[in-house]
Amino acid sequence: MNTYDERTRLILAEIGRVTLGLLASDGVTKQGIVDKLKNDAKEEDNPARKSILDDAVNYLNSQI
């Protein structure tokens, strides 16, 4: 059983949130998810959430 620290869970939650949003529009591709996360990070004012979004992009790029 895998256990994740809080930051990893937040990163995975952001990836899941974006993926679910793209499922509704049939736009689910790795690049589509990364682009949406980058756009969300660019528009985010909260530095902690921006960091999570940036880490989500890095996570996807390193895993897939």
Protein backbone atom coordinates (compact mmCIF):
# COMPACT_ATOMS: atom_id res chain seq x y z
CA MET A 1 0.00 0.00 0.00
CA ASN A 2 1.40 3.37 -1.00
CA THR A 3 1.22 6.26 1.38
CA TYR A 4 1.86 9.78 0.20
CA ASP A 5 2.86 12.87 2.09
CA GLU A 6 0.49 15.83 2.13
CA ARG A 7 2.24 17.71 -0.68
CA THR A 8 2.19 14.70 -3.01
CA ARG A 9 -1.50 14.20 -2.32
CA LEU A 10 -2.16 17.84 -3.20
CA ILE A 11 -0.17 17.48 -6.43
CA LEU A 12 -2.09 14.35 -7.41
CA ALA A 13 -5.38 16.05 -6.51
CA GLU A 14 -4.61 18.93 -8.90
CA ILE A 15 -3.73 16.50 -11.68
CA GLY A 16 -7.00 14.66 -11.05
CA ARG A 17 -9.01 17.88 -10.98
CA VAL A 18 -7.66 18.98 -14.35
CA THR A 19 -8.07 15.51 -15.86
CA LEU A 20 -11.72 15.34 -14.81
CA GLY A 21 -12.35 18.77 -16.32
CA LEU A 22 -10.79 17.69 -19.59
CA LEU A 23 -12.76 14.43 -19.65
CA ALA A 24 -15.91 16.50 -20.03
CA SER A 25 -14.52 18.06 -23.21
CA ASP A 26 -12.83 14.94 -24.64
CA GLY A 27 -9.50 16.78 -24.43
CA VAL A 28 -7.56 14.35 -22.25
CA THR A 29 -3.97 14.18 -23.39
CA LYS A 30 -0.79 14.54 -21.40
CA GLN A 31 -0.06 17.83 -23.14
CA GLY A 32 -3.60 19.06 -22.51
CA ILE A 33 -3.30 18.33 -18.80
CA VAL A 34 0.13 19.98 -18.60
CA ASP A 35 -1.07 23.05 -20.52
CA LYS A 36 -4.10 23.46 -18.24
CA LEU A 37 -1.97 23.09 -15.10
CA LYS A 38 0.53 25.65 -16.44
CA ASN A 39 -2.28 28.06 -17.26
CA ASP A 40 -3.84 27.62 -13.82
CA ALA A 41 -0.43 28.22 -12.20
CA LYS A 42 0.09 31.36 -14.25
CA GLU A 43 -3.26 32.78 -13.07
CA GLU A 44 -2.94 31.67 -9.43
CA ASP A 45 -2.36 34.39 -6.82
CA ASN A 46 -1.82 32.06 -3.85
CA PRO A 47 1.92 31.22 -3.80
CA ALA A 48 1.38 27.87 -2.03
CA ARG A 49 -1.18 26.68 -4.58
CA LYS A 50 0.95 28.03 -7.46
CA SER A 51 3.85 25.95 -6.16
CA ILE A 52 1.61 22.85 -6.01
CA LEU A 53 0.48 23.44 -9.61
CA ASP A 54 4.07 23.91 -10.78
CA ASP A 55 5.06 20.71 -9.00
CA ALA A 56 2.15 18.89 -10.64
CA VAL A 57 3.53 19.88 -14.06
CA ASN A 58 7.00 18.69 -13.06
CA TYR A 59 5.56 15.45 -11.70
CA LEU A 60 3.73 14.69 -14.93
CA ASN A 61 6.76 15.51 -17.05
CA SER A 62 8.95 13.19 -14.98
CA GLN A 63 6.50 10.28 -14.77
CA ILE A 64 5.00 9.95 -18.21
